[in-house]
C-alpha atoms as a PDB file:
ATOM      1  CA  MET A   1       0.000   0.000   0.000  1.00  0.00           C
ATOM      2  CA  LEU A   2       1.196   3.497  -0.906  1.00  0.00           C
ATOM      3  CA  ILE A   3       0.115   6.471   1.197  1.00  0.00           C
ATOM      4  CA  GLY A   4       0.749  10.087   0.244  1.00  0.00           C
ATOM      5  CA  ALA A   5      -1.099  13.357  -0.257  1.00  0.00           C
ATOM      6  CA  SER A   6      -0.936  14.525  -3.876  1.00  0.00           C
ATOM      7  CA  CYS A   7      -2.093  17.983  -2.766  1.00  0.00           C
ATOM      8  CA  LEU A   8       1.098  18.654  -0.790  1.00  0.00           C
ATOM      9  CA  PRO A   9       4.053  20.392  -2.465  1.00  0.00           C
ATOM     10  CA  ASN A  10       6.887  18.135  -3.552  1.00  0.00           C
ATOM     11  CA  ALA A  11      10.151  18.631  -5.381  1.00  0.00           C
ATOM     12  CA  SER A  12       9.283  16.205  -8.182  1.00  0.00           C
ATOM     13  CA  GLN A  13       6.345  18.347  -9.288  1.00  0.00           C
ATOM     14  CA  ALA A  14       8.636  21.385  -9.619  1.00  0.00           C
ATOM     15  CA  ALA A  15      11.586  19.578 -11.219  1.00  0.00           C
ATOM     16  CA  ALA A  16      12.184  19.367 -14.958  1.00  0.00           C
ATOM     17  CA  GLY A  17      13.448  15.769 -14.683  1.00  0.00           C
ATOM     18  CA  ILE A  18      16.752  16.419 -16.451  1.00  0.00           C
ATOM     19  CA  VAL A  19      19.290  13.590 -16.595  1.00  0.00           C
ATOM     20  CA  ASN A  20      22.693  15.118 -17.291  1.00  0.00           C
ATOM     21  CA  PRO A  21      25.732  12.893 -17.989  1.00  0.00           C
ATOM     22  CA  VAL A  22      28.237  15.492 -16.741  1.00  0.00           C
ATOM     23  CA  THR A  23      28.047  17.917 -13.876  1.00  0.00           C
ATOM     24  CA  GLY A  24      29.630  21.077 -12.539  1.00  0.00           C
ATOM     25  CA  ARG A  25      32.094  23.484 -14.068  1.00  0.00           C
ATOM     26  CA  TRP A  26      34.765  20.793 -13.907  1.00  0.00           C
ATOM     27  CA  MET A  27      32.684  18.760 -16.378  1.00  0.00           C
ATOM     28  CA  THR A  28      33.003  15.526 -14.401  1.00  0.00           C
ATOM     29  CA  LYS A  29      30.818  12.535 -15.121  1.00  0.00           C
ATOM     30  CA  SER A  30      27.708  12.457 -12.966  1.00  0.00           C
ATOM     31  CA  TRP A  31      27.910  10.070 -10.023  1.00  0.00           C
ATOM     32  CA  ARG A  32      27.528   6.427 -11.105  1.00  0.00           C
ATOM     33  CA  ILE A  33      26.165   7.476 -14.495  1.00  0.00           C
ATOM     34  CA  GLU A  34      27.377   4.237 -16.122  1.00  0.00           C
ATOM     35  CA  GLN A  35      25.152   2.264 -13.722  1.00  0.00           C
ATOM     36  CA  LEU A  36      22.311   4.722 -13.340  1.00  0.00           C
ATOM     37  CA  LEU A  37      21.549   5.435 -16.977  1.00  0.00           C
ATOM     38  CA  PRO A  38      21.010   1.851 -18.224  1.00  0.00           C
ATOM     39  CA  GLU A  39      18.733   1.118 -15.252  1.00  0.00           C
ATOM     40  CA  ALA A  40      16.828   4.375 -15.784  1.00  0.00           C
ATOM     41  CA  ARG A  41      16.423   3.711 -19.491  1.00  0.00           C
ATOM     42  CA  ALA A  42      15.149   0.156 -18.940  1.00  0.00           C
ATOM     43  CA  THR A  43      12.789   1.149 -16.114  1.00  0.00           C
ATOM     44  CA  TYR A  44      11.220   4.113 -17.880  1.00  0.00           C
ATOM     45  CA  ARG A  45      10.868   2.191 -21.133  1.00  0.00           C
ATOM     46  CA  GLU A  46       9.001  -0.550 -19.271  1.00  0.00           C
ATOM     47  CA  ILE A  47       6.697   2.036 -17.707  1.00  0.00           C
ATOM     48  CA  GLU A  48       6.114   3.585 -21.130  1.00  0.00           C
ATOM     49  CA  ALA A  49       5.188   0.186 -22.566  1.00  0.00           C
ATOM     50  CA  ASN A  50       2.705  -0.425 -19.766  1.00  0.00           C
ATOM     51  CA  PHE A  51       1.057   3.006 -20.014  1.00  0.00           C
ATOM     52  CA  GLY A  52       1.338   3.466 -23.762  1.00  0.00           C
ATOM     53  CA  GLU A  53       2.893   6.939 -23.667  1.00  0.00           C
ATOM     54  CA  ARG A  54       6.269   8.650 -23.630  1.00  0.00           C
ATOM     55  CA  ILE A  55       7.865   9.440 -20.281  1.00  0.00           C
ATOM     56  CA  PHE A  56      11.615   9.223 -20.957  1.00  0.00           C
ATOM     57  CA  HIS A  57      12.916  11.614 -23.613  1.00  0.00           C
ATOM     58  CA  PRO A  58      16.441  11.511 -25.085  1.00  0.00           C
ATOM     59  CA  VAL A  59      17.355  15.013 -26.292  1.00  0.00           C
ATOM     60  CA  PRO A  60      20.372  16.788 -27.762  1.00  0.00           C
ATOM     61  CA  ALA A  61      22.204  18.913 -25.204  1.00  0.00           C
ATOM     62  CA  ARG A  62      24.846  21.614 -25.278  1.00  0.00           C
ATOM     63  CA  ARG A  63      26.923  23.262 -22.560  1.00  0.00           C
ATOM     64  CA  TYR A  64      27.925  26.939 -22.986  1.00  0.00           C
ATOM     65  CA  PHE A  65      31.235  27.999 -21.472  1.00  0.00           C
ATOM     66  CA  GLN A  66      31.269  30.980 -19.143  1.00  0.00           C
ATOM     67  CA  ASN A  67      34.885  31.920 -19.824  1.00  0.00           C
ATOM     68  CA  GLU A  68      38.101  30.738 -21.478  1.00  0.00           C
ATOM     69  CA  GLU A  69      39.066  28.571 -18.503  1.00  0.00           C
ATOM     70  CA  ASP A  70      35.782  26.648 -18.867  1.00  0.00           C
ATOM     71  CA  ALA A  71      36.600  26.102 -22.542  1.00  0.00           C
ATOM     72  CA  ARG A  72      40.109  24.835 -21.807  1.00  0.00           C
ATOM     73  CA  ARG A  73      38.834  22.519 -19.095  1.00  0.00           C
ATOM     74  CA  ALA A  74      36.167  21.070 -21.388  1.00  0.00           C
ATOM     75  CA  ALA A  75      38.679  20.579 -24.187  1.00  0.00           C
ATOM     76  CA  ARG A  76      40.858  18.520 -21.843  1.00  0.00           C
ATOM     77  CA  ARG A  77      37.846  16.425 -20.835  1.00  0.00           C
ATOM     78  CA  ALA A  78      36.865  15.865 -24.452  1.00  0.00           C
ATOM     79  CA  ARG A  79      40.332  14.452 -25.191  1.00  0.00           C
ATOM     80  CA  ASN A  80      40.007  11.948 -22.339  1.00  0.00           C
ATOM     81  CA  PRO A  81      38.881   8.538 -23.729  1.00  0.00           C
ATOM     82  CA  ARG A  82      36.746   7.993 -20.593  1.00  0.00           C
ATOM     83  CA  TYR A  83      34.557  10.903 -21.684  1.00  0.00           C
ATOM     84  CA  ALA A  84      34.106   9.869 -25.314  1.00  0.00           C
ATOM     85  CA  ASP A  85      30.600   8.560 -24.586  1.00  0.00           C
ATOM     86  CA  VAL A  86      29.339  11.788 -22.994  1.00  0.00           C
ATOM     87  CA  LEU A  87      31.200  14.676 -24.651  1.00  0.00           C
ATOM     88  CA  GLY A  88      31.370  15.746 -28.269  1.00  0.00           C
ATOM     89  CA  PRO A  89      33.947  18.107 -29.752  1.00  0.00           C
ATOM     90  CA  PRO A  90      34.035  21.696 -28.413  1.00  0.00           C
ATOM     91  CA  LEU A  91      32.990  24.548 -30.691  1.00  0.00           C
ATOM     92  CA  PRO A  92      34.718  27.953 -30.751  1.00  0.00           C
ATOM     93  CA  PRO A  93      32.889  31.220 -29.952  1.00  0.00           C
ATOM     94  CA  GLY A  94      30.298  32.174 -32.531  1.00  0.00           C
ATOM     95  CA  ALA A  95      29.878  28.647 -33.899  1.00  0.00           C
ATOM     96  CA  ASP A  96      26.818  27.575 -31.907  1.00  0.00           C
ATOM     97  CA  PRO A  97      24.336  25.940 -34.317  1.00  0.00           C
ATOM     98  CA  ASN A  98      21.331  27.026 -32.223  1.00  0.00           C
ATOM     99  CA  GLY A  99      21.776  30.780 -32.456  1.00  0.00           C
ATOM    100  CA  LEU A 100      22.371  31.257 -28.742  1.00  0.00           C
ATOM    101  CA  ASN A 101      24.980  33.553 -27.224  1.00  0.00           C
ATOM    102  CA  ASP A 102      28.287  31.703 -26.969  1.00  0.00           C
ATOM    103  CA  PRO A 103      31.069  34.251 -26.335  1.00  0.00           C
ATOM    104  CA  ALA A 104      33.367  31.543 -24.911  1.00  0.00           C
ATOM    105  CA  GLY A 105      32.236  28.604 -27.085  1.00  0.00           C
ATOM    106  CA  SER A 106      30.289  25.448 -26.259  1.00  0.00           C
ATOM    107  CA  ILE A 107      30.372  21.656 -26.270  1.00  0.00           C
ATOM    108  CA  ARG A 108      27.848  18.963 -27.102  1.00  0.00           C
ATOM    109  CA  LEU A 109      26.717  16.605 -24.332  1.00  0.00           C
ATOM    110  CA  GLU A 110      25.807  13.032 -25.226  1.00  0.00           C
ATOM    111  CA  GLN A 111      23.212  10.796 -23.506  1.00  0.00           C
ATOM    112  CA  ALA A 112      21.171  13.629 -21.998  1.00  0.00           C
ATOM    113  CA  HIS A 113      17.490  12.970 -21.239  1.00  0.00           C
ATOM    114  CA  TRP A 114      14.509  14.420 -19.476  1.00  0.00           C
ATOM    115  CA  VAL A 115      11.787  12.563 -17.604  1.00  0.00           C
ATOM    116  CA  ASP A 116       8.214  13.878 -17.518  1.00  0.00           C
ATOM    117  CA  LEU A 117       7.955  13.591 -13.731  1.00  0.00           C
ATOM    118  CA  PRO A 118       4.508  15.180 -13.201  1.00  0.00           C
ATOM    119  CA  ARG A 119       2.998  12.903 -15.845  1.00  0.00           C
ATOM    120  CA  LEU A 120       4.829   9.884 -14.426  1.00  0.00           C
ATOM    121  CA  LEU A 121       3.544  10.575 -10.916  1.00  0.00           C
ATOM    122  CA  GLU A 122      -0.001  11.109 -12.213  1.00  0.00           C
ATOM    123  CA  ARG A 123      -0.024   7.812 -14.089  1.00  0.00           C
ATOM    124  CA  LEU A 124       1.542   5.858 -11.217  1.00  0.00           C
ATOM    125  CA  ARG A 125      -0.946   7.252  -8.703  1.00  0.00           C
ATOM    126  CA  GLY A 126      -3.815   6.419 -11.046  1.00  0.00           C
ATOM    127  CA  PHE A 127      -2.567   2.888 -11.630  1.00  0.00           C
ATOM    128  CA  PHE A 128      -2.019   2.042  -7.970  1.00  0.00           C
ATOM    129  CA  ALA A 129      -5.352   3.636  -7.020  1.00  0.00           C
ATOM    130  CA  SER A 130      -7.106   1.507  -9.647  1.00  0.00           C
ATOM    131  CA  ILE A 131      -5.853  -1.688  -8.010  1.00  0.00           C
ATOM    132  CA  GLY A 132      -6.590  -0.460  -4.481  1.00  0.00           C
ATOM    133  CA  CYS A 133      -2.973   0.158  -3.517  1.00  0.00           C
ATOM    134  CA  PHE A 134      -2.861   3.949  -3.143  1.00  0.00           C
ATOM    135  CA  ARG A 135      -4.446   6.194  -0.546  1.00  0.00           C
ATOM    136  CA  ASP A 136      -4.340   9.897  -1.340  1.00  0.00           C
ATOM    137  CA  GLU A 137      -4.043  11.261   2.197  1.00  0.00           C
ATOM    138  CA  VAL A 138      -1.562  12.848   4.576  1.00  0.00           C
ATOM    139  CA  PHE A 139       0.409  10.196   6.437  1.00  0.00           C
ATOM    140  CA  ARG A 140      -0.039  10.391  10.230  1.00  0.00           C
ATOM    141  CA  TYR A 141       3.015   9.366  12.199  1.00  0.00           C
ATOM    142  CA  ASP A 142       0.997   8.848  15.379  1.00  0.00           C
ATOM    143  CA  ALA A 143      -1.160   6.239  13.624  1.00  0.00           C
ATOM    144  CA  LEU A 144       1.809   3.968  12.901  1.00  0.00           C
ATOM    145  CA  GLN A 145       2.099   1.509  15.787  1.00  0.00           C
ATOM    146  CA  ARG A 146       4.621  -1.210  16.469  1.00  0.00           C
ATOM    147  CA  GLN A 147       3.180  -4.716  16.744  1.00  0.00           C
ATOM    148  CA  ALA A 148       4.677  -8.084  17.630  1.00  0.00           C
ATOM    149  CA  ALA A 149       4.770  -9.107  13.968  1.00  0.00           C
ATOM    150  CA  GLY A 150       5.464  -5.754  12.352  1.00  0.00           C
ATOM    151  CA  TRP A 151       3.560  -2.478  12.150  1.00  0.00           C
ATOM    152  CA  SER A 152      -0.056  -1.356  11.999  1.00  0.00           C
ATOM    153  CA  TYR A 153      -1.553   1.781  10.472  1.00  0.00           C
ATOM    154  CA  GLY A 154      -5.292   1.899  11.043  1.00  0.00           C
ATOM    155  CA  ASP A 155      -6.667  -1.130   9.205  1.00  0.00           C
ATOM    156  CA  LEU A 156      -3.344  -1.885   7.532  1.00  0.00           C
ATOM    157  CA  ARG A 157      -0.721  -4.391   8.674  1.00  0.00           C
ATOM    158  CA  ALA A 158       2.814  -4.493   7.319  1.00  0.00           C
ATOM    159  CA  GLY A 159       6.072  -6.192   8.103  1.00  0.00           C
ATOM    160  CA  ARG A 160       8.018  -3.339   6.526  1.00  0.00           C
ATOM    161  CA  VAL A 161       7.405   0.379   6.146  1.00  0.00           C
ATOM    162  CA  VAL A 162       9.486   2.503   3.749  1.00  0.00           C
ATOM    163  CA  PHE A 163       9.460   6.281   4.158  1.00  0.00           C
ATOM    164  CA  CYS A 164       9.957   8.187   0.865  1.00  0.00           C
ATOM    165  CA  GLU A 165       9.211  11.684   2.096  1.00  0.00           C
ATOM    166  CA  GLY A 166      11.759  14.014   0.580  1.00  0.00           C
ATOM    167  CA  ALA A 167      12.322  17.142   2.673  1.00  0.00           C
ATOM    168  CA  ARG A 168       9.516  16.162   5.056  1.00  0.00           C
ATOM    169  CA  LEU A 169      11.812  13.532   6.553  1.00  0.00           C
ATOM    170  CA  ARG A 170      12.920  16.212   9.018  1.00  0.00           C
ATOM    171  CA  ALA A 171       9.615  15.779  10.880  1.00  0.00           C
ATOM    172  CA  ASN A 172       9.806  11.975  10.922  1.00  0.00           C
ATOM    173  CA  PRO A 173       9.997  10.755  14.554  1.00  0.00           C
ATOM    174  CA  TRP A 174      12.084   7.718  13.587  1.00  0.00           C
ATOM    175  CA  PHE A 175      14.418   9.076  10.916  1.00  0.00           C
ATOM    176  CA  GLY A 176      14.405  12.794  11.679  1.00  0.00           C
ATOM    177  CA  ARG A 177      17.949  12.683  13.086  1.00  0.00           C
ATOM    178  CA  LEU A 178      19.389  11.827   9.688  1.00  0.00           C
ATOM    179  CA  PRO A 179      21.311  14.859   8.370  1.00  0.00           C
ATOM    180  CA  LEU A 180      18.964  15.709   5.537  1.00  0.00           C
ATOM    181  CA  LYS A 181      20.011  18.890   3.757  1.00  0.00           C
ATOM    182  CA  PRO A 182      17.073  20.602   2.010  1.00  0.00           C
ATOM    183  CA  ILE A 183      18.051  22.932  -0.828  1.00  0.00           C
ATOM    184  CA  LYS A 184      15.362  25.078  -2.393  1.00  0.00           C
ATOM    185  CA  GLY A 185      15.119  25.178  -6.153  1.00  0.00           C
ATOM    186  CA  GLU A 186      12.930  27.366  -8.345  1.00  0.00           C
ATOM    187  CA  THR A 187      12.058  26.843 -12.000  1.00  0.00           C
ATOM    188  CA  LEU A 188       9.932  28.655 -14.562  1.00  0.00           C
ATOM    189  CA  ARG A 189       7.656  27.401 -17.306  1.00  0.00           C
ATOM    190  CA  LEU A 190       8.147  29.733 -20.267  1.00  0.00           C
ATOM    191  CA  GLN A 191       6.921  30.426 -23.740  1.00  0.00           C
ATOM    192  CA  LEU A 192       9.492  31.816 -26.193  1.00  0.00           C
ATOM    193  CA  ASP A 193       8.273  34.193 -28.882  1.00  0.00           C
ATOM    194  CA  GLY A 194      10.325  35.582 -31.763  1.00  0.00           C
ATOM    195  CA  PHE A 195      12.935  32.823 -31.601  1.00  0.00           C
ATOM    196  CA  ASN A 196      12.660  29.206 -32.704  1.00  0.00           C
ATOM    197  CA  LEU A 197      14.648  27.106 -30.277  1.00  0.00           C
ATOM    198  CA  THR A 198      14.774  23.470 -31.298  1.00  0.00           C
ATOM    199  CA  ARG A 199      14.049  20.656 -28.855  1.00  0.00           C
ATOM    200  CA  GLY A 200      16.950  20.084 -26.468  1.00  0.00           C
ATOM    201  CA  ILE A 201      18.778  21.089 -23.291  1.00  0.00           C
ATOM    202  CA  TYR A 202      20.863  24.274 -23.333  1.00  0.00           C
ATOM    203  CA  HIS A 203      23.076  24.781 -20.298  1.00  0.00           C
ATOM    204  CA  GLY A 204      24.621  28.180 -19.593  1.00  0.00           C
ATOM    205  CA  ARG A 205      24.689  29.547 -16.063  1.00  0.00           C
ATOM    206  CA  LYS A 206      21.278  27.907 -15.798  1.00  0.00           C
ATOM    207  CA  TRP A 207      19.698  25.210 -17.976  1.00  0.00           C
ATOM    208  CA  LEU A 208      16.942  25.746 -20.515  1.00  0.00           C
ATOM    209  CA  LEU A 209      14.890  22.720 -21.558  1.00  0.00           C
ATOM    210  CA  ALA A 210      13.141  23.423 -24.872  1.00  0.00           C
ATOM    211  CA  TYR A 211      10.258  21.135 -25.837  1.00  0.00           C
ATOM    212  CA  GLY A 212      10.354  22.174 -29.494  1.00  0.00           C
ATOM    213  CA  ASP A 213       7.064  24.068 -29.704  1.00  0.00           C
ATOM    214  CA  GLY A 214       8.113  27.314 -28.036  1.00  0.00           C
ATOM    215  CA  ALA A 215       7.466  25.929 -24.555  1.00  0.00           C
ATOM    216  CA  CYS A 216      10.475  25.713 -22.218  1.00  0.00           C
ATOM    217  CA  ARG A 217      11.511  25.056 -18.651  1.00  0.00           C
ATOM    218  CA  LEU A 218      14.160  27.262 -17.078  1.00  0.00           C
ATOM    219  CA  GLY A 219      16.076  26.383 -13.942  1.00  0.00           C
ATOM    220  CA  ALA A 220      17.246  26.124 -11.427  1.00  0.00           C
ATOM    221  CA  THR A 221      18.177  28.145  -8.375  1.00  0.00           C
ATOM    222  CA  TYR A 222      19.992  26.765  -5.328  1.00  0.00           C
ATOM    223  CA  ASP A 223      19.058  28.302  -1.984  1.00  0.00           C
ATOM    224  CA  GLU A 224      19.993  26.748   1.371  1.00  0.00           C
ATOM    225  CA  ALA A 225      18.683  29.690   3.433  1.00  0.00           C
ATOM    226  CA  ASP A 226      15.057  30.051   2.299  1.00  0.00           C
ATOM    227  CA  LEU A 227      13.331  26.721   2.965  1.00  0.00           C
ATOM    228  CA  SER A 228       9.816  27.869   2.120  1.00  0.00           C
ATOM    229  CA  GLU A 229       8.148  26.048  -0.752  1.00  0.00           C
ATOM    230  CA  ALA A 230       6.850  29.151  -2.529  1.00  0.00           C
ATOM    231  CA  PRO A 231       8.421  30.854  -5.569  1.00  0.00           C
ATOM    232  CA  THR A 232      10.166  34.168  -4.883  1.00  0.00           C
ATOM    233  CA  GLU A 233      10.807  37.359  -6.797  1.00  0.00           C
ATOM    234  CA  ALA A 234      14.527  36.893  -6.189  1.00  0.00           C
ATOM    235  CA  GLY A 235      14.397  33.486  -7.832  1.00  0.00           C
ATOM    236  CA  ARG A 236      12.430  34.812 -10.786  1.00  0.00           C
ATOM    237  CA  THR A 237      14.897  37.660 -11.278  1.00  0.00           C
ATOM    238  CA  GLU A 238      17.920  35.370 -11.079  1.00  0.00           C
ATOM    239  CA  LEU A 239      16.511  32.890 -13.590  1.00  0.00           C
ATOM    240  CA  LEU A 240      15.458  35.509 -16.126  1.00  0.00           C
ATOM    241  CA  ALA A 241      18.817  37.283 -15.894  1.00  0.00           C
ATOM    242  CA  ASP A 242      20.688  34.072 -16.631  1.00  0.00           C
ATOM    243  CA  ALA A 243      18.326  33.189 -19.480  1.00  0.00           C
ATOM    244  CA  GLY A 244      18.841  36.665 -20.915  1.00  0.00           C
ATOM    245  CA  ALA A 245      22.584  36.068 -21.074  1.00  0.00           C
ATOM    246  CA  LEU A 246      21.996  32.974 -23.214  1.00  0.00           C
ATOM    247  CA  LEU A 247      19.085  33.962 -25.454  1.00  0.00           C
ATOM    248  CA  PRO A 248      19.454  36.368 -28.400  1.00  0.00           C
ATOM    249  CA  PRO A 249      17.757  39.807 -28.300  1.00  0.00           C
ATOM    250  CA  THR A 250      14.997  38.574 -30.640  1.00  0.00           C
ATOM    251  CA  ALA A 251      13.723  36.111 -28.031  1.00  0.00           C
ATOM    252  CA  ARG A 252      10.770  37.346 -26.001  1.00  0.00           C
ATOM    253  CA  VAL A 253      10.053  35.431 -22.801  1.00  0.00           C
ATOM    254  CA  ARG A 254       6.576  34.936 -21.363  1.00  0.00           C
ATOM    255  CA  ILE A 255       6.321  33.315 -17.925  1.00  0.00           C
ATOM    256  CA  GLU A 256       3.487  30.803 -17.726  1.00  0.00           C
ATOM    257  CA  ALA A 257       4.193  29.299 -14.293  1.00  0.00           C
ATOM    258  CA  ARG A 258       6.589  29.661 -11.378  1.00  0.00           C
ATOM    259  CA  LEU A 259       7.457  26.554  -9.404  1.00  0.00           C
ATOM    260  CA  ALA A 260       9.524  25.794  -6.324  1.00  0.00           C
ATOM    261  CA  GLY A 261      10.479  22.760  -4.283  1.00  0.00           C
ATOM    262  CA  LEU A 262      12.934  21.531  -1.672  1.00  0.00           C
ATOM    263  CA  ARG A 263      15.552  19.110  -2.958  1.00  0.00           C
ATOM    264  CA  PRO A 264      16.258  16.431  -0.332  1.00  0.00           C
ATOM    265  CA  SER A 265      20.054  16.328  -0.317  1.00  0.00           C
ATOM    266  CA  SER A 266      22.663  15.112   2.177  1.00  0.00           C
ATOM    267  CA  PRO A 267      26.006  16.388   3.507  1.00  0.00           C
ATOM    268  CA  ASP A 268      27.982  14.198   1.085  1.00  0.00           C
ATOM    269  CA  SER A 269      25.515  14.629  -1.810  1.00  0.00           C
ATOM    270  CA  ARG A 270      24.735  10.906  -1.817  1.00  0.00           C
ATOM    271  CA  PRO A 271      21.355   9.211  -1.273  1.00  0.00           C
ATOM    272  CA  MET A 272      20.302   7.771   2.079  1.00  0.00           C
ATOM    273  CA  LEU A 273      18.794   4.289   1.990  1.00  0.00           C
ATOM    274  CA  GLY A 274      18.385   1.557   4.537  1.00  0.00           C
ATOM    275  CA  ALA A 275      16.960   0.286   7.799  1.00  0.00           C
ATOM    276  CA  HIS A 276      16.398   1.951  11.126  1.00  0.00           C
ATOM    277  CA  PRO A 277      19.249   0.892  13.434  1.00  0.00           C
ATOM    278  CA  GLU A 278      16.951  -0.173  16.292  1.00  0.00           C
ATOM    279  CA  LEU A 279      13.411  -0.667  15.039  1.00  0.00           C
ATOM    280  CA  PRO A 280      12.991  -3.673  12.736  1.00  0.00           C
ATOM    281  CA  GLY A 281      10.829  -3.101   9.690  1.00  0.00           C
ATOM    282  CA  LEU A 282      11.353   0.646   9.272  1.00  0.00           C
ATOM    283  CA  PHE A 283      13.275   1.829   6.211  1.00  0.00           C
ATOM    284  CA  VAL A 284      14.037   5.081   4.448  1.00  0.00           C
ATOM    285  CA  PHE A 285      14.557   6.060   0.792  1.00  0.00           C
ATOM    286  CA  ASN A 286      15.735   9.647   0.569  1.00  0.00           C
ATOM    287  CA  GLY A 287      18.513  12.107  -0.209  1.00  0.00           C
ATOM    288  CA  LEU A 288      18.300  11.972  -4.014  1.00  0.00           C
ATOM    289  CA  GLY A 289      18.944  15.713  -4.285  1.00  0.00           C
ATOM    290  CA  SER A 290      18.785  17.151  -7.800  1.00  0.00           C
ATOM    291  CA  LYS A 291      19.587  13.813  -9.498  1.00  0.00           C
ATOM    292  CA  GLY A 292      16.461  11.845  -8.689  1.00  0.00           C
ATOM    293  CA  ALA A 293      15.157  11.433 -12.236  1.00  0.00           C
ATOM    294  CA  GLY A 294      18.292   9.542 -13.213  1.00  0.00           C
ATOM    295  CA  SER A 295      19.119   7.785  -9.953  1.00  0.00           C
ATOM    296  CA  ALA A 296      15.730   6.665  -8.594  1.00  0.00           C
ATOM    297  CA  PRO A 297      15.401   3.487 -10.718  1.00  0.00           C
ATOM    298  CA  TRP A 298      18.858   2.138  -9.753  1.00  0.00           C
ATOM    299  CA  LEU A 299      18.407   3.118  -6.107  1.00  0.00           C
ATOM    300  CA  SER A 300      14.968   1.483  -6.038  1.00  0.00           C
ATOM    301  CA  ARG A 301      16.569  -1.713  -7.298  1.00  0.00           C
ATOM    302  CA  GLN A 302      19.176  -1.445  -4.543  1.00  0.00           C
ATOM    303  CA  LEU A 303      16.552  -1.207  -1.827  1.00  0.00           C
ATOM    304  CA  LEU A 304      14.275  -3.878  -3.317  1.00  0.00           C
ATOM    305  CA  ASP A 305      17.139  -6.366  -3.550  1.00  0.00           C
ATOM    306  CA  HIS A 306      18.026  -5.544   0.051  1.00  0.00           C
ATOM    307  CA  LEU A 307      14.446  -6.066   1.247  1.00  0.00           C
ATOM    308  CA  ARG A 308      13.728  -9.185  -0.769  1.00  0.00           C
ATOM    309  CA  SER A 309      17.032 -11.026  -0.710  1.00  0.00           C
ATOM    310  CA  GLY A 310      19.140  -9.395   1.960  1.00  0.00           C
ATOM    311  CA  VAL A 311      21.626  -8.032  -0.571  1.00  0.00           C
ATOM    312  CA  LYS A 312      23.863  -5.492   1.125  1.00  0.00           C
ATOM    313  CA  LEU A 313      23.311  -1.894   0.169  1.00  0.00           C
ATOM    314  CA  ASP A 314      26.094  -0.062  -1.585  1.00  0.00           C
ATOM    315  CA  PRO A 315      28.129   1.632   1.196  1.00  0.00           C
ATOM    316  CA  GLU A 316      27.926   4.976  -0.619  1.00  0.00           C
ATOM    317  CA  VAL A 317      24.137   5.062  -0.202  1.00  0.00           C
ATOM    318  CA  ASP A 318      23.679   3.121   3.045  1.00  0.00           C
ATOM    319  CA  LEU A 319      22.321   5.487   5.712  1.00  0.00           C
ATOM    320  CA  ARG A 320      24.497   3.781   8.344  1.00  0.00           C
ATOM    321  CA  ARG A 321      27.360   6.051   7.302  1.00  0.00           C
ATOM    322  CA  PHE A 322      25.570   8.857   9.173  1.00  0.00           C
ATOM    323  CA  LEU A 323      24.585   6.957  12.325  1.00  0.00           C
ATOM    324  CA  GLY A 324      26.595   6.885  15.498  1.00  0.00           C
ATOM    325  CA  PRO A 325      25.860   4.637  18.495  1.00  0.00           C
ATOM    326  CA  PRO A 326      22.129   3.806  18.814  1.00  0.00           C
ATOM    327  CA  THR A 327      20.273   6.273  21.017  1.00  0.00           C
ATOM    328  CA  CYS A 328      16.693   6.241  19.709  1.00  0.00           C
ATOM    329  CA  ASN A 329      14.042   4.523  21.857  1.00  0.00           C
ATOM    330  CA  ALA A 330      11.023   5.622  19.845  1.00  0.00           C
END
């Protein structure tokens, strides 16, 4: 049984679902991308086959250098054989095929994708509701009671309970001491007029996901101080300024929606999976940060194999790395 309130804000509804093979100004491969991407591709393709619609979208992508040092760094990466599967050849300033501003040049990114997360969540909720396995309600911690053979929640009985709560984990009475690190992110849904931007991901100071019909997503901000879940004027201003540096003067931007969410990150930027150290049957699946669209399928497999067959979790994602001596008596 799945329990969750679809009316509550969540980061997945605000996210664009971008899967990027490289990250940061150092242009390093995204964490575990060689493992994550095949699992993501297979999982989303299976979901697409079951629902009969597209969820997982491969798209061309390009990274725009901010200065000459960025360009030199990317050129070194592109010459590294380990990066041949994710980086194309760099282009000099003024050679961008998309008509965007590229005063320092750019480079093509291979194996980029985006996942339609709102549509995916809608279809999954509908499917599980149709078979009687989803309750659209706010989970009540005080209703979960320990029993001799597991846990009870009203009329439900379960041997195992997995909390997948994102930033709301901080209020969890059993896992709230985990060092979750919420980071607010804001995005915009846009319509571009006066400029035909082909379908793809364009990454300058911020990323721009173009759907090919004038509609775009622009993101994202990173704010560790403001942990409200509402869009801000500061976020809007920052995003539009960065988009303005990338788009040509002919492009006119119309904002259609402003979105915000709290990314559930961790101090070491790695997910947090695993069992409660003292209470049998309680588990957590959290800390996916800004990489959830690409990492969730592989991480789900990790936890399922652990629950079903006792396979040890990868040490990099096992929550035990954050736990000291047991102290919780909840």
